[in-house]
Amino acid sequence: MPRTINPIKKAKVKKALMEDKSIAMALKEAGYSKGSIRGHNNATSNVVVRRCMEEIQEDIKTQCSVEYVLDRLYKLAEKAKNNSDKLRALELIGKWQAMFTNKEIIDDNRDHKDSVNRNLKILGIDNN
């Protein structure tokens, strides 16, 4: 019969991992014994740690969407006390909306053969 995972201990491990604590420290803070911590210092060897890591990655994917980031940038631009923070937030919003791209119209009516021949001549290669 497979062992069940204690949801309270799992939540404590997840919280400690999100605080950038080591796996061993997270397991210790959650109340696991020294015997169950020993040898489980990587994410793949411990089922609890592996599941916590998967949940953390899923949380990051869920929270970090384009809309979330843009919303935070708009709020920062409105409420920032520092002008450089406001400017940077507005700059990033503008970049996302492609407001600051170089828009050059290239009129390409020249003969490419002449251009290629000129470049080959500069390189000392005979094209004939």
Protein backbone atom coordinates (compact mmCIF):
# COMPACT_ATOMS: atom_id res chain seq x y z
CA MET A 1 0.00 0.00 0.00
CA PRO A 2 1.54 3.34 -1.05
CA ARG A 3 2.18 5.92 1.63
CA THR A 4 0.00 8.99 1.59
CA ILE A 5 1.45 12.48 1.61
CA ASN A 6 0.62 14.63 4.60
CA PRO A 7 -0.93 17.79 3.06
CA ILE A 8 0.21 20.01 5.94
CA LYS A 9 3.82 18.88 5.68
CA LYS A 10 3.64 19.22 1.90
CA ALA A 11 2.39 22.80 2.23
CA LYS A 12 5.24 23.58 4.63
CA VAL A 13 7.80 22.10 2.22
CA LYS A 14 6.34 24.12 -0.65
CA LYS A 15 6.42 27.33 1.39
CA ALA A 16 10.04 26.76 2.41
CA LEU A 17 11.08 25.98 -1.17
CA MET A 18 9.39 29.17 -2.36
CA GLU A 19 11.48 31.05 0.20
CA ASP A 20 14.61 29.68 -1.55
CA LYS A 21 15.53 27.32 1.25
CA SER A 22 17.39 24.10 0.48
CA ILE A 23 15.50 20.87 0.04
CA ALA A 24 16.96 19.46 3.25
CA MET A 25 16.02 22.60 5.19
CA ALA A 26 12.50 22.58 3.70
CA LEU A 27 11.98 18.97 4.72
CA LYS A 28 13.37 19.65 8.19
CA GLU A 29 11.10 22.68 8.72
CA ALA A 30 8.10 20.62 7.60
CA GLY A 31 8.78 18.14 10.37
CA TYR A 32 10.35 15.24 8.49
CA SER A 33 12.81 13.12 10.46
CA LYS A 34 16.56 13.18 9.82
CA GLY A 35 16.32 9.68 8.40
CA SER A 36 13.81 10.69 5.75
CA ILE A 37 15.77 13.83 4.89
CA ARG A 38 19.10 12.02 4.47
CA GLY A 39 19.65 11.03 0.86
CA HIS A 40 16.76 13.14 -0.45
CA ASN A 41 18.68 16.26 -1.34
CA ASN A 42 17.52 16.46 -4.93
CA ALA A 43 14.09 17.11 -6.34
CA THR A 44 13.65 13.76 -8.10
CA SER A 45 14.34 11.40 -5.22
CA ASN A 46 11.61 12.66 -2.88
CA VAL A 47 7.97 12.43 -3.95
CA VAL A 48 6.89 15.35 -1.74
CA VAL A 49 9.64 17.63 -3.06
CA ARG A 50 8.96 16.60 -6.66
CA ARG A 51 5.25 17.38 -6.33
CA CYS A 52 5.97 20.69 -4.60
CA MET A 53 8.35 21.69 -7.39
CA GLU A 54 5.73 20.79 -10.01
CA GLU A 55 3.12 22.88 -8.18
CA ILE A 56 5.50 25.84 -7.87
CA GLN A 57 6.28 25.71 -11.60
CA GLU A 58 2.56 25.54 -12.40
CA ASP A 59 1.87 28.49 -10.10
CA ILE A 60 4.56 30.53 -11.86
CA LYS A 61 3.12 29.70 -15.28
CA THR A 62 -0.38 30.61 -14.14
CA GLN A 63 0.54 33.90 -12.51
CA CYS A 64 3.04 35.11 -15.07
CA SER A 65 0.93 35.91 -18.11
CA VAL A 66 1.29 38.84 -20.48
CA GLU A 67 -1.85 40.41 -19.08
CA TYR A 68 -0.55 40.10 -15.52
CA VAL A 69 2.78 41.73 -16.38
CA LEU A 70 1.17 44.56 -18.37
CA ASP A 71 -1.32 45.19 -15.59
CA ARG A 72 1.51 45.46 -13.07
CA LEU A 73 3.43 47.80 -15.37
CA TYR A 74 0.39 50.07 -15.79
CA LYS A 75 -0.05 50.21 -12.02
CA LEU A 76 3.63 50.96 -11.52
CA ALA A 77 3.54 53.71 -14.13
CA GLU A 78 0.58 55.34 -12.37
CA LYS A 79 1.69 54.98 -8.77
CA ALA A 80 5.49 55.07 -8.83
CA LYS A 81 7.01 57.87 -6.78
CA ASN A 82 10.28 57.72 -8.65
CA ASN A 83 10.27 59.20 -12.16
CA SER A 84 12.80 56.67 -13.41
CA ASP A 85 10.47 53.82 -12.37
CA LYS A 86 7.56 55.48 -14.16
CA LEU A 87 9.65 56.03 -17.27
CA ARG A 88 10.92 52.44 -17.31
CA ALA A 89 7.41 51.02 -16.88
CA LEU A 90 6.10 53.19 -19.72
CA GLU A 91 9.09 52.25 -21.86
CA LEU A 92 8.38 48.54 -21.40
CA ILE A 93 4.69 49.04 -22.18
CA GLY A 94 5.66 50.95 -25.32
CA LYS A 95 8.06 48.22 -26.39
CA TRP A 96 5.34 45.61 -25.95
CA GLN A 97 3.02 47.65 -28.15
CA ALA A 98 5.84 48.14 -30.71
CA MET A 99 5.59 51.91 -30.42
CA PHE A 100 9.33 52.49 -30.64
CA THR A 101 10.39 50.34 -33.55
CA ASN A 102 12.35 51.89 -36.36
CA LYS A 103 10.01 52.18 -39.28
CA GLU A 104 12.02 52.66 -42.43
CA ILE A 105 10.61 52.30 -45.88
CA ILE A 106 13.14 50.65 -48.11
CA ASP A 107 12.82 51.43 -51.78
CA ASP A 108 14.59 48.57 -53.48
CA ASN A 109 14.68 49.53 -57.14
CA ARG A 110 18.38 48.91 -57.68
CA ASP A 111 19.83 46.12 -59.72
CA HIS A 112 21.14 43.41 -57.40
CA LYS A 113 23.50 42.01 -60.03
CA ASP A 114 25.48 45.26 -60.11
CA SER A 115 25.68 45.27 -56.32
CA VAL A 116 26.87 41.66 -56.19
CA ASN A 117 29.44 42.25 -58.92
CA ARG A 118 30.75 45.36 -57.12
CA ASN A 119 31.12 43.43 -53.85
CA LEU A 120 32.87 40.55 -55.61
CA LYS A 121 35.26 43.01 -57.27
CA ILE A 122 36.08 44.55 -53.88
CA LEU A 123 36.87 41.05 -52.57
CA GLY A 124 39.08 40.38 -55.60
CA ILE A 125 36.88 37.65 -57.02
CA ASP A 126 36.31 37.56 -60.78
CA ASN A 127 32.65 36.87 -61.55
CA ASN A 128 33.04 36.46 -65.32
